[in-house]
Amino acid sequence: MRVGIDIGGTKTHAVVLDERGAVLDQWRGATGFGADAVVTAAVTAVTVLAERQHLLPTRFSSIGIGIPGTVDGHLGRVAHAVNLGVESLDLGAVVQSRLGRPVSVENDVNAAALGAYHLLAPTGVRSMAYLNLGTGLAAGIVLGGALWRGPRGVAGEIGHVVVDPRGPECPCGQRGCLETLASGSALARLWPQSPDPTVHRLFAAVDARDPVATTVAERVVENIAAAVRLLVLTVDVDAVVVGGGLSSLGDRLLDELRERLRRDAARSPFLASLELPTRVLLSPRDAPVAAIGAALVGQRSRDAVVAEAPAGLP
């Protein structure tokens, strides 16, 4: 049995997977703030799940953690996890010292990508980009079942591709990054009239024929479509799977996004040839993809099969 832990800004979600990759048990709890709280959340998750399975934590075949921030998977170190109050933490080593079992650590978006791939692979998907539309925007890329991180671990950081050099300033120091135009933070900036600028409220206002909300929604969807095009044109994946907070809108977002891609394709035979509307999917609903992916990262790290790049790539 494998344990995967998804550590988020407010909650921690952990799962136990059986040998077939099916979820046997789940645990949710508050994360807390600061390095000590993050470690405690991870240790508590494993301890509780072990007790429920009538095991010692050392009996789990592997333990993996997905967490926001800059992650060095080789060292199990996380840095700059601002929303967690963590500047630098040897998370893998510290949790291992508490549990007596090796612990693998991965960026949360990469973990979610691997989890979504695991759930979608039976449908025939062999390559996939997981487009995470949360407070920020980033993607995790899975090629042939392996995470593609790149030599410096920045593969998929398309949120910091500049699409409007004169656009708003991004926290990364550039201007007009895609993240500033197609994310939760972008929605809040583009729709300051709303005291609670969520994607659900935005589309409720669209349905109420609010002209400002309609303009904002069209712009956000347009830029999400740009992210889809960017991913397909750079790595030509079978599918772009949309996840993160904005994806909670469900089929409404998917329908709007596919319609935008169809309209763009109608003006471009080249885009039409890419069949983008059929390649966009929603992340499996009600599935803890990040926790599942973290469990798979732990297992694959143990088996030494998660590589810097899939076989055949430089």
C-alpha atoms as a PDB file:
ATOM      1  CA  MET A   1       0.000   0.000   0.000  1.00  0.00           C
ATOM      2  CA  ARG A   2       1.188   3.475  -0.916  1.00  0.00           C
ATOM      3  CA  VAL A   3       0.465   6.793   0.773  1.00  0.00           C
ATOM      4  CA  GLY A   4       0.157  10.106  -1.069  1.00  0.00           C
ATOM      5  CA  ILE A   5      -0.194  13.461   0.669  1.00  0.00           C
ATOM      6  CA  ASP A   6      -1.363  16.685  -0.972  1.00  0.00           C
ATOM      7  CA  ILE A   7      -0.382  19.629   1.227  1.00  0.00           C
ATOM      8  CA  GLY A   8      -2.335  22.751   0.324  1.00  0.00           C
ATOM      9  CA  GLY A   9      -2.443  26.251   1.708  1.00  0.00           C
ATOM     10  CA  THR A  10      -5.315  25.477   4.089  1.00  0.00           C
ATOM     11  CA  LYS A  11      -5.905  21.721   4.014  1.00  0.00           C
ATOM     12  CA  THR A  12      -3.983  18.488   3.705  1.00  0.00           C
ATOM     13  CA  HIS A  13      -5.526  15.569   1.819  1.00  0.00           C
ATOM     14  CA  ALA A  14      -3.964  12.113   2.008  1.00  0.00           C
ATOM     15  CA  VAL A  15      -4.856   8.785   0.410  1.00  0.00           C
ATOM     16  CA  VAL A  16      -3.852   5.141   0.610  1.00  0.00           C
ATOM     17  CA  LEU A  17      -3.592   3.293  -2.703  1.00  0.00           C
ATOM     18  CA  ASP A  18      -3.665  -0.463  -3.120  1.00  0.00           C
ATOM     19  CA  GLU A  19      -1.429  -2.415  -5.503  1.00  0.00           C
ATOM     20  CA  ARG A  20      -3.768  -1.619  -8.435  1.00  0.00           C
ATOM     21  CA  GLY A  21      -3.772   2.112  -7.732  1.00  0.00           C
ATOM     22  CA  ALA A  22      -7.292   2.228  -6.302  1.00  0.00           C
ATOM     23  CA  VAL A  23      -8.018   4.502  -3.322  1.00  0.00           C
ATOM     24  CA  LEU A  24      -8.493   2.457  -0.148  1.00  0.00           C
ATOM     25  CA  ASP A  25      -8.815   5.276   2.373  1.00  0.00           C
ATOM     26  CA  GLN A  26      -8.591   9.064   2.637  1.00  0.00           C
ATOM     27  CA  TRP A  27      -7.833  11.614   5.346  1.00  0.00           C
ATOM     28  CA  ARG A  28      -8.317  15.370   5.409  1.00  0.00           C
ATOM     29  CA  GLY A  29      -7.086  17.881   7.945  1.00  0.00           C
ATOM     30  CA  ALA A  30      -5.915  21.455   8.380  1.00  0.00           C
ATOM     31  CA  THR A  31      -2.391  22.270   7.195  1.00  0.00           C
ATOM     32  CA  GLY A  32      -1.474  25.111   9.500  1.00  0.00           C
ATOM     33  CA  PHE A  33       1.193  27.725   8.797  1.00  0.00           C
ATOM     34  CA  GLY A  34       4.938  27.391   8.986  1.00  0.00           C
ATOM     35  CA  ALA A  35       7.467  24.586   8.580  1.00  0.00           C
ATOM     36  CA  ASP A  36       6.578  22.802  11.823  1.00  0.00           C
ATOM     37  CA  ALA A  37       2.862  22.811  10.950  1.00  0.00           C
ATOM     38  CA  VAL A  38       3.538  21.396   7.483  1.00  0.00           C
ATOM     39  CA  VAL A  39       5.639  18.562   8.908  1.00  0.00           C
ATOM     40  CA  THR A  40       3.015  17.842  11.564  1.00  0.00           C
ATOM     41  CA  ALA A  41       0.254  17.683   8.959  1.00  0.00           C
ATOM     42  CA  ALA A  42       2.195  15.154   6.872  1.00  0.00           C
ATOM     43  CA  VAL A  43       3.128  12.985   9.852  1.00  0.00           C
ATOM     44  CA  THR A  44      -0.423  13.069  11.217  1.00  0.00           C
ATOM     45  CA  ALA A  45      -1.847  12.030   7.852  1.00  0.00           C
ATOM     46  CA  VAL A  46       0.413   8.979   7.586  1.00  0.00           C
ATOM     47  CA  THR A  47      -0.043   8.019  11.223  1.00  0.00           C
ATOM     48  CA  VAL A  48      -3.841   8.170  11.071  1.00  0.00           C
ATOM     49  CA  LEU A  49      -4.017   6.234   7.812  1.00  0.00           C
ATOM     50  CA  ALA A  50      -1.638   3.588   9.187  1.00  0.00           C
ATOM     51  CA  GLU A  51      -3.794   3.153  12.269  1.00  0.00           C
ATOM     52  CA  ARG A  52      -6.903   2.717  10.127  1.00  0.00           C
ATOM     53  CA  GLN A  53      -5.146   0.014   8.107  1.00  0.00           C
ATOM     54  CA  HIS A  54      -3.883  -1.641  11.321  1.00  0.00           C
ATOM     55  CA  LEU A  55      -0.289  -1.085  10.279  1.00  0.00           C
ATOM     56  CA  LEU A  56       2.812   0.725  11.402  1.00  0.00           C
ATOM     57  CA  PRO A  57       3.789   3.601   9.074  1.00  0.00           C
ATOM     58  CA  THR A  58       6.943   1.657   8.167  1.00  0.00           C
ATOM     59  CA  ARG A  59       4.772  -1.006   6.530  1.00  0.00           C
ATOM     60  CA  PHE A  60       3.650   1.297   3.740  1.00  0.00           C
ATOM     61  CA  SER A  61       5.602   0.509   0.572  1.00  0.00           C
ATOM     62  CA  SER A  62       6.131   4.196  -0.189  1.00  0.00           C
ATOM     63  CA  ILE A  63       5.190   7.701   0.937  1.00  0.00           C
ATOM     64  CA  GLY A  64       4.979  10.700  -1.394  1.00  0.00           C
ATOM     65  CA  ILE A  65       4.149  14.354  -0.774  1.00  0.00           C
ATOM     66  CA  GLY A  66       2.901  16.986  -3.219  1.00  0.00           C
ATOM     67  CA  ILE A  67       3.392  20.564  -2.073  1.00  0.00           C
ATOM     68  CA  PRO A  68       3.370  24.086  -3.587  1.00  0.00           C
ATOM     69  CA  GLY A  69       6.641  25.894  -4.064  1.00  0.00           C
ATOM     70  CA  THR A  70       9.967  25.171  -5.672  1.00  0.00           C
ATOM     71  CA  VAL A  71      10.734  21.513  -5.100  1.00  0.00           C
ATOM     72  CA  ASP A  72      14.027  19.665  -5.466  1.00  0.00           C
ATOM     73  CA  GLY A  73      12.772  16.119  -5.844  1.00  0.00           C
ATOM     74  CA  HIS A  74      16.241  14.609  -5.525  1.00  0.00           C
ATOM     75  CA  LEU A  75      16.818  16.195  -2.126  1.00  0.00           C
ATOM     76  CA  GLY A  76      13.203  16.250  -0.956  1.00  0.00           C
ATOM     77  CA  ARG A  77      13.524  19.970  -0.313  1.00  0.00           C
ATOM     78  CA  VAL A  78      10.847  22.642  -0.775  1.00  0.00           C
ATOM     79  CA  ALA A  79      11.509  26.378  -0.979  1.00  0.00           C
ATOM     80  CA  HIS A  80       9.458  29.551  -1.424  1.00  0.00           C
ATOM     81  CA  ALA A  81       6.136  27.950  -0.440  1.00  0.00           C
ATOM     82  CA  VAL A  82       4.844  31.392   0.494  1.00  0.00           C
ATOM     83  CA  ASN A  83       1.228  30.444   1.230  1.00  0.00           C
ATOM     84  CA  LEU A  84       2.459  27.823   3.692  1.00  0.00           C
ATOM     85  CA  GLY A  85       4.933  30.094   5.437  1.00  0.00           C
ATOM     86  CA  VAL A  86       7.852  27.927   4.325  1.00  0.00           C
ATOM     87  CA  GLU A  87      11.003  29.569   2.974  1.00  0.00           C
ATOM     88  CA  SER A  88      13.191  26.442   2.938  1.00  0.00           C
ATOM     89  CA  LEU A  89      12.508  23.000   4.367  1.00  0.00           C
ATOM     90  CA  ASP A  90      14.103  19.567   3.916  1.00  0.00           C
ATOM     91  CA  LEU A  91      10.628  18.109   4.025  1.00  0.00           C
ATOM     92  CA  GLY A  92      11.468  14.599   2.842  1.00  0.00           C
ATOM     93  CA  ALA A  93      14.300  14.127   5.324  1.00  0.00           C
ATOM     94  CA  VAL A  94      12.402  15.604   8.267  1.00  0.00           C
ATOM     95  CA  VAL A  95       9.251  13.537   7.696  1.00  0.00           C
ATOM     96  CA  GLN A  96      11.376  10.438   7.124  1.00  0.00           C
ATOM     97  CA  SER A  97      13.081  10.994  10.480  1.00  0.00           C
ATOM     98  CA  ARG A  98       9.665  11.080  12.141  1.00  0.00           C
ATOM     99  CA  LEU A  99       8.201   8.056  10.356  1.00  0.00           C
ATOM    100  CA  GLY A 100      11.182   5.814   9.670  1.00  0.00           C
ATOM    101  CA  ARG A 101      10.317   5.505   5.981  1.00  0.00           C
ATOM    102  CA  PRO A 102      11.807   7.228   2.890  1.00  0.00           C
ATOM    103  CA  VAL A 103       9.635  10.100   1.681  1.00  0.00           C
ATOM    104  CA  SER A 104       9.528  11.524  -1.854  1.00  0.00           C
ATOM    105  CA  VAL A 105       8.531  15.145  -2.479  1.00  0.00           C
ATOM    106  CA  GLU A 106       7.150  16.691  -5.665  1.00  0.00           C
ATOM    107  CA  ASN A 107       5.621  19.990  -6.733  1.00  0.00           C
ATOM    108  CA  ASP A 108       1.841  19.847  -6.265  1.00  0.00           C
ATOM    109  CA  VAL A 109       0.979  20.585  -9.910  1.00  0.00           C
ATOM    110  CA  ASN A 110       3.314  17.837 -11.115  1.00  0.00           C
ATOM    111  CA  ALA A 111       1.761  15.457  -8.608  1.00  0.00           C
ATOM    112  CA  ALA A 112      -1.732  16.366  -9.822  1.00  0.00           C
ATOM    113  CA  ALA A 113      -0.604  15.801 -13.412  1.00  0.00           C
ATOM    114  CA  LEU A 114       0.592  12.301 -12.586  1.00  0.00           C
ATOM    115  CA  GLY A 115      -2.621  11.563 -10.681  1.00  0.00           C
ATOM    116  CA  ALA A 116      -4.827  12.759 -13.537  1.00  0.00           C
ATOM    117  CA  TYR A 117      -2.784  10.732 -16.008  1.00  0.00           C
ATOM    118  CA  HIS A 118      -3.199   7.622 -13.844  1.00  0.00           C
ATOM    119  CA  LEU A 119      -6.980   8.038 -13.945  1.00  0.00           C
ATOM    120  CA  LEU A 120      -7.188   8.889 -17.652  1.00  0.00           C
ATOM    121  CA  ALA A 121      -4.650   6.415 -19.085  1.00  0.00           C
ATOM    122  CA  PRO A 122      -7.281   3.638 -19.373  1.00  0.00           C
ATOM    123  CA  THR A 123      -9.142   5.874 -21.864  1.00  0.00           C
ATOM    124  CA  GLY A 124      -6.166   5.835 -24.232  1.00  0.00           C
ATOM    125  CA  VAL A 125      -4.379   9.036 -23.185  1.00  0.00           C
ATOM    126  CA  ARG A 126      -0.628   8.523 -23.526  1.00  0.00           C
ATOM    127  CA  SER A 127       0.629  12.074 -23.176  1.00  0.00           C
ATOM    128  CA  MET A 128      -0.990  14.825 -21.166  1.00  0.00           C
ATOM    129  CA  ALA A 129      -0.586  18.351 -19.857  1.00  0.00           C
ATOM    130  CA  TYR A 130      -2.383  19.182 -16.625  1.00  0.00           C
ATOM    131  CA  LEU A 131      -3.304  22.879 -16.782  1.00  0.00           C
ATOM    132  CA  ASN A 132      -3.738  24.099 -13.228  1.00  0.00           C
ATOM    133  CA  LEU A 133      -5.914  27.221 -13.043  1.00  0.00           C
ATOM    134  CA  GLY A 134      -5.642  28.293  -9.432  1.00  0.00           C
ATOM    135  CA  THR A 135      -4.471  31.531  -7.870  1.00  0.00           C
ATOM    136  CA  GLY A 136      -1.676  31.239 -10.406  1.00  0.00           C
ATOM    137  CA  LEU A 137      -1.284  29.235 -13.601  1.00  0.00           C
ATOM    138  CA  ALA A 138       1.091  26.353 -14.295  1.00  0.00           C
ATOM    139  CA  ALA A 139       1.132  23.004 -16.026  1.00  0.00           C
ATOM    140  CA  GLY A 140       2.464  19.551 -15.277  1.00  0.00           C
ATOM    141  CA  ILE A 141       3.488  17.429 -18.257  1.00  0.00           C
ATOM    142  CA  VAL A 142       3.373  13.635 -18.449  1.00  0.00           C
ATOM    143  CA  LEU A 143       4.893  11.891 -21.470  1.00  0.00           C
ATOM    144  CA  GLY A 144       4.676   8.130 -21.764  1.00  0.00           C
ATOM    145  CA  GLY A 145       3.760   7.835 -18.104  1.00  0.00           C
ATOM    146  CA  ALA A 146       6.728   9.856 -16.811  1.00  0.00           C
ATOM    147  CA  LEU A 147       6.812  13.416 -15.548  1.00  0.00           C
ATOM    148  CA  TRP A 148       8.742  15.754 -17.827  1.00  0.00           C
ATOM    149  CA  ARG A 149      10.434  18.267 -15.530  1.00  0.00           C
ATOM    150  CA  GLY A 150      13.259  19.527 -17.701  1.00  0.00           C
ATOM    151  CA  PRO A 151      16.896  19.859 -16.604  1.00  0.00           C
ATOM    152  CA  ARG A 152      16.068  22.711 -14.196  1.00  0.00           C
ATOM    153  CA  GLY A 153      12.607  21.603 -13.183  1.00  0.00           C
ATOM    154  CA  VAL A 154      10.710  24.445 -14.866  1.00  0.00           C
ATOM    155  CA  ALA A 155       8.943  22.514 -17.637  1.00  0.00           C
ATOM    156  CA  GLY A 156       5.286  23.539 -17.675  1.00  0.00           C
ATOM    157  CA  GLU A 157       5.764  26.955 -16.053  1.00  0.00           C
ATOM    158  CA  ILE A 158       3.791  28.543 -18.870  1.00  0.00           C
ATOM    159  CA  GLY A 159       2.168  31.019 -16.491  1.00  0.00           C
ATOM    160  CA  HIS A 160       5.311  33.106 -16.925  1.00  0.00           C
ATOM    161  CA  VAL A 161       5.289  33.157 -20.722  1.00  0.00           C
ATOM    162  CA  VAL A 162       4.798  36.812 -21.656  1.00  0.00           C
ATOM    163  CA  VAL A 163       1.777  37.299 -23.926  1.00  0.00           C
ATOM    164  CA  ASP A 164       1.375  41.067 -23.468  1.00  0.00           C
ATOM    165  CA  PRO A 165       4.687  42.919 -22.894  1.00  0.00           C
ATOM    166  CA  ARG A 166       2.748  46.033 -21.874  1.00  0.00           C
ATOM    167  CA  GLY A 167       0.401  44.142 -19.582  1.00  0.00           C
ATOM    168  CA  PRO A 168       0.176  44.118 -15.788  1.00  0.00           C
ATOM    169  CA  GLU A 169       3.248  43.431 -13.691  1.00  0.00           C
ATOM    170  CA  CYS A 170       3.652  39.824 -12.584  1.00  0.00           C
ATOM    171  CA  PRO A 171       5.162  38.798  -9.219  1.00  0.00           C
ATOM    172  CA  CYS A 172       7.940  37.116 -11.236  1.00  0.00           C
ATOM    173  CA  GLY A 173       9.166  40.568 -12.347  1.00  0.00           C
ATOM    174  CA  GLN A 174       7.940  40.445 -15.935  1.00  0.00           C
ATOM    175  CA  ARG A 175       4.923  42.142 -17.484  1.00  0.00           C
ATOM    176  CA  GLY A 176       1.942  40.570 -19.171  1.00  0.00           C
ATOM    177  CA  CYS A 177       2.584  36.972 -18.131  1.00  0.00           C
ATOM    178  CA  LEU A 178      -0.159  34.502 -19.010  1.00  0.00           C
ATOM    179  CA  GLU A 179      -0.781  34.026 -15.286  1.00  0.00           C
ATOM    180  CA  THR A 180      -1.843  37.675 -14.996  1.00  0.00           C
ATOM    181  CA  LEU A 181      -4.548  37.088 -17.625  1.00  0.00           C
ATOM    182  CA  ALA A 182      -5.916  33.582 -16.978  1.00  0.00           C
ATOM    183  CA  SER A 183      -6.002  32.613 -13.297  1.00  0.00           C
ATOM    184  CA  GLY A 184      -7.841  33.280 -10.060  1.00  0.00           C
ATOM    185  CA  SER A 185      -5.665  36.299  -9.343  1.00  0.00           C
ATOM    186  CA  ALA A 186      -6.286  37.542 -12.904  1.00  0.00           C
ATOM    187  CA  LEU A 187     -10.026  37.253 -12.377  1.00  0.00           C
ATOM    188  CA  ALA A 188      -9.818  39.356  -9.220  1.00  0.00           C
ATOM    189  CA  ARG A 189      -7.783  42.019 -11.032  1.00  0.00           C
ATOM    190  CA  LEU A 190      -9.997  42.090 -14.120  1.00  0.00           C
ATOM    191  CA  TRP A 191     -13.242  42.211 -12.116  1.00  0.00           C
ATOM    192  CA  PRO A 192     -12.616  44.603  -9.199  1.00  0.00           C
ATOM    193  CA  GLN A 193     -16.322  45.538  -9.147  1.00  0.00           C
ATOM    194  CA  SER A 194     -17.100  42.266  -7.376  1.00  0.00           C
ATOM    195  CA  PRO A 195     -16.518  41.965  -3.610  1.00  0.00           C
ATOM    196  CA  ASP A 196     -16.085  38.187  -4.091  1.00  0.00           C
ATOM    197  CA  PRO A 197     -14.640  37.602  -7.575  1.00  0.00           C
ATOM    198  CA  THR A 198     -15.002  33.829  -7.913  1.00  0.00           C
ATOM    199  CA  VAL A 199     -15.528  32.064 -11.221  1.00  0.00           C
ATOM    200  CA  HIS A 200     -18.994  30.922 -10.097  1.00  0.00           C
ATOM    201  CA  ARG A 201     -20.079  34.483  -9.290  1.00  0.00           C
ATOM    202  CA  LEU A 202     -18.598  35.711 -12.547  1.00  0.00           C
ATOM    203  CA  PHE A 203     -20.666  33.371 -14.702  1.00  0.00           C
ATOM    204  CA  ALA A 204     -23.766  33.978 -12.579  1.00  0.00           C
ATOM    205  CA  ALA A 205     -23.329  37.653 -13.429  1.00  0.00           C
ATOM    206  CA  VAL A 206     -22.872  36.707 -17.090  1.00  0.00           C
ATOM    207  CA  ASP A 207     -26.187  34.840 -16.972  1.00  0.00           C
ATOM    208  CA  ALA A 208     -27.742  37.958 -15.443  1.00  0.00           C
ATOM    209  CA  ARG A 209     -26.505  39.869 -18.518  1.00  0.00           C
ATOM    210  CA  ASP A 210     -23.972  41.996 -16.675  1.00  0.00           C
ATOM    211  CA  PRO A 211     -21.952  43.561 -19.530  1.00  0.00           C
ATOM    212  CA  VAL A 212     -18.781  44.008 -17.465  1.00  0.00           C
ATOM    213  CA  ALA A 213     -18.851  40.406 -16.248  1.00  0.00           C
ATOM    214  CA  THR A 214     -19.470  39.213 -19.803  1.00  0.00           C
ATOM    215  CA  THR A 215     -16.416  41.073 -21.063  1.00  0.00           C
ATOM    216  CA  VAL A 216     -14.253  39.728 -18.233  1.00  0.00           C
ATOM    217  CA  ALA A 217     -15.454  36.154 -18.757  1.00  0.00           C
ATOM    218  CA  GLU A 218     -14.724  36.344 -22.473  1.00  0.00           C
ATOM    219  CA  ARG A 219     -11.227  37.618 -21.819  1.00  0.00           C
ATOM    220  CA  VAL A 220     -10.436  34.956 -19.197  1.00  0.00           C
ATOM    221  CA  VAL A 221     -11.674  32.155 -21.455  1.00  0.00           C
ATOM    222  CA  GLU A 222      -9.741  33.616 -24.390  1.00  0.00           C
ATOM    223  CA  ASN A 223      -6.530  33.476 -22.382  1.00  0.00           C
ATOM    224  CA  ILE A 224      -7.179  29.972 -21.064  1.00  0.00           C
ATOM    225  CA  ALA A 225      -7.567  28.983 -24.716  1.00  0.00           C
ATOM    226  CA  ALA A 226      -4.181  30.589 -25.363  1.00  0.00           C
ATOM    227  CA  ALA A 227      -2.683  28.386 -22.629  1.00  0.00           C
ATOM    228  CA  VAL A 228      -4.176  25.287 -24.273  1.00  0.00           C
ATOM    229  CA  ARG A 229      -2.721  26.266 -27.647  1.00  0.00           C
ATOM    230  CA  LEU A 230       0.660  26.932 -26.086  1.00  0.00           C
ATOM    231  CA  LEU A 231       0.801  23.495 -24.472  1.00  0.00           C
ATOM    232  CA  VAL A 232      -0.249  21.647 -27.615  1.00  0.00           C
ATOM    233  CA  LEU A 233       2.100  23.613 -29.865  1.00  0.00           C
ATOM    234  CA  THR A 234       5.095  23.021 -27.581  1.00  0.00           C
ATOM    235  CA  VAL A 235       4.657  19.379 -26.520  1.00  0.00           C
ATOM    236  CA  ASP A 236       1.812  18.130 -28.770  1.00  0.00           C
ATOM    237  CA  VAL A 237       0.121  16.157 -25.998  1.00  0.00           C
ATOM    238  CA  ASP A 238      -2.886  13.917 -26.552  1.00  0.00           C
ATOM    239  CA  ALA A 239      -4.899  15.869 -23.991  1.00  0.00           C
ATOM    240  CA  VAL A 240      -4.849  19.085 -21.978  1.00  0.00           C
ATOM    241  CA  VAL A 241      -6.603  18.417 -18.686  1.00  0.00           C
ATOM    242  CA  VAL A 242      -7.945  21.507 -16.928  1.00  0.00           C
ATOM    243  CA  GLY A 243      -7.812  21.472 -13.132  1.00  0.00           C
ATOM    244  CA  GLY A 244      -7.424  23.859 -10.225  1.00  0.00           C
ATOM    245  CA  GLY A 245      -9.904  26.216  -8.606  1.00  0.00           C
ATOM    246  CA  LEU A 246     -11.335  27.689 -11.802  1.00  0.00           C
ATOM    247  CA  SER A 247     -12.153  24.196 -13.067  1.00  0.00           C
ATOM    248  CA  SER A 248     -14.734  23.883 -10.267  1.00  0.00           C
ATOM    249  CA  LEU A 249     -17.112  25.614 -12.692  1.00  0.00           C
ATOM    250  CA  GLY A 250     -17.229  22.226 -14.430  1.00  0.00           C
ATOM    251  CA  ASP A 251     -18.886  21.683 -17.778  1.00  0.00           C
ATOM    252  CA  ARG A 252     -19.731  25.364 -18.137  1.00  0.00           C
ATOM    253  CA  LEU A 253     -16.047  26.260 -18.289  1.00  0.00           C
ATOM    254  CA  LEU A 254     -15.291  23.341 -20.594  1.00  0.00           C
ATOM    255  CA  ASP A 255     -18.125  24.306 -22.951  1.00  0.00           C
ATOM    256  CA  GLU A 256     -17.013  27.950 -23.056  1.00  0.00           C
ATOM    257  CA  LEU A 257     -13.411  26.940 -23.636  1.00  0.00           C
ATOM    258  CA  ARG A 258     -14.225  24.509 -26.431  1.00  0.00           C
ATOM    259  CA  GLU A 259     -16.464  27.075 -28.115  1.00  0.00           C
ATOM    260  CA  ARG A 260     -13.639  29.631 -28.017  1.00  0.00           C
ATOM    261  CA  LEU A 261     -11.233  27.090 -29.537  1.00  0.00           C
ATOM    262  CA  ARG A 262     -13.768  26.290 -32.275  1.00  0.00           C
ATOM    263  CA  ARG A 263     -14.172  29.990 -33.102  1.00  0.00           C
ATOM    264  CA  ASP A 264     -10.411  30.421 -33.339  1.00  0.00           C
ATOM    265  CA  ALA A 265     -10.122  27.319 -35.540  1.00  0.00           C
ATOM    266  CA  ALA A 266     -12.790  28.657 -37.910  1.00  0.00           C
ATOM    267  CA  ARG A 267     -10.405  31.488 -38.820  1.00  0.00           C
ATOM    268  CA  SER A 268      -7.303  29.308 -39.112  1.00  0.00           C
ATOM    269  CA  PRO A 269      -6.967  26.072 -41.090  1.00  0.00           C
ATOM    270  CA  PHE A 270      -3.774  25.409 -39.144  1.00  0.00           C
ATOM    271  CA  LEU A 271      -5.553  25.573 -35.772  1.00  0.00           C
ATOM    272  CA  ALA A 272      -8.425  23.539 -37.187  1.00  0.00           C
ATOM    273  CA  SER A 273      -5.961  20.765 -38.050  1.00  0.00           C
ATOM    274  CA  LEU A 274      -4.937  20.514 -34.380  1.00  0.00           C
ATOM    275  CA  GLU A 275      -8.488  19.552 -33.267  1.00  0.00           C
ATOM    276  CA  LEU A 276      -7.995  21.409 -30.004  1.00  0.00           C
ATOM    277  CA  PRO A 277     -11.626  21.275 -28.776  1.00  0.00           C
ATOM    278  CA  THR A 278     -11.505  17.472 -28.663  1.00  0.00           C
ATOM    279  CA  ARG A 279      -8.180  17.468 -26.806  1.00  0.00           C
ATOM    280  CA  VAL A 280      -9.386  19.530 -23.840  1.00  0.00           C
ATOM    281  CA  LEU A 281     -10.763  17.651 -20.830  1.00  0.00           C
ATOM    282  CA  LEU A 282     -11.699  18.440 -17.255  1.00  0.00           C
ATOM    283  CA  SER A 283      -9.771  16.876 -14.416  1.00  0.00           C
ATOM    284  CA  PRO A 284     -11.707  13.834 -13.116  1.00  0.00           C
ATOM    285  CA  ARG A 285     -14.383  15.149 -10.778  1.00  0.00           C
ATOM    286  CA  ASP A 286     -14.262  14.426  -7.069  1.00  0.00           C
ATOM    287  CA  ALA A 287     -10.941  12.621  -7.500  1.00  0.00           C
ATOM    288  CA  PRO A 288      -8.020  13.680  -5.275  1.00  0.00           C
ATOM    289  CA  VAL A 289      -5.638  13.771  -8.225  1.00  0.00           C
ATOM    290  CA  ALA A 290      -2.801  15.536  -6.380  1.00  0.00           C
ATOM    291  CA  ALA A 291      -2.815  13.052  -3.495  1.00  0.00           C
ATOM    292  CA  ILE A 292      -3.050  10.104  -5.886  1.00  0.00           C
ATOM    293  CA  GLY A 293      -0.181  11.518  -7.914  1.00  0.00           C
ATOM    294  CA  ALA A 294       1.898  12.028  -4.774  1.00  0.00           C
ATOM    295  CA  ALA A 295       1.453   8.353  -3.944  1.00  0.00           C
ATOM    296  CA  LEU A 296       2.602   7.435  -7.447  1.00  0.00           C
ATOM    297  CA  VAL A 297       5.617   9.737  -7.143  1.00  0.00           C
ATOM    298  CA  GLY A 298       6.567   7.947  -3.943  1.00  0.00           C
ATOM    299  CA  GLN A 299       6.231   4.537  -5.550  1.00  0.00           C
ATOM    300  CA  ARG A 300       8.084   5.481  -8.718  1.00  0.00           C
ATOM    301  CA  SER A 301      10.845   7.174  -6.780  1.00  0.00           C
ATOM    302  CA  ARG A 302      11.277   3.992  -4.797  1.00  0.00           C
ATOM    303  CA  ASP A 303      11.417   1.966  -7.995  1.00  0.00           C
ATOM    304  CA  ALA A 304      13.723   4.559  -9.638  1.00  0.00           C
ATOM    305  CA  VAL A 305      11.545   4.998 -12.705  1.00  0.00           C
ATOM    306  CA  VAL A 306      10.641   8.683 -12.523  1.00  0.00           C
ATOM    307  CA  ALA A 307      13.358  10.162 -14.724  1.00  0.00           C
ATOM    308  CA  GLU A 308      14.481  13.664 -15.594  1.00  0.00           C
ATOM    309  CA  ALA A 309      13.030  12.979 -19.058  1.00  0.00           C
ATOM    310  CA  PRO A 310      11.161  10.109 -20.698  1.00  0.00           C
ATOM    311  CA  ALA A 311      13.247   7.625 -22.676  1.00  0.00           C
ATOM    312  CA  GLY A 312      14.219   8.952 -26.077  1.00  0.00           C
ATOM    313  CA  LEU A 313      14.163  12.626 -25.138  1.00  0.00           C
ATOM    314  CA  PRO A 314      17.400  14.599 -24.661  1.00  0.00           C
END
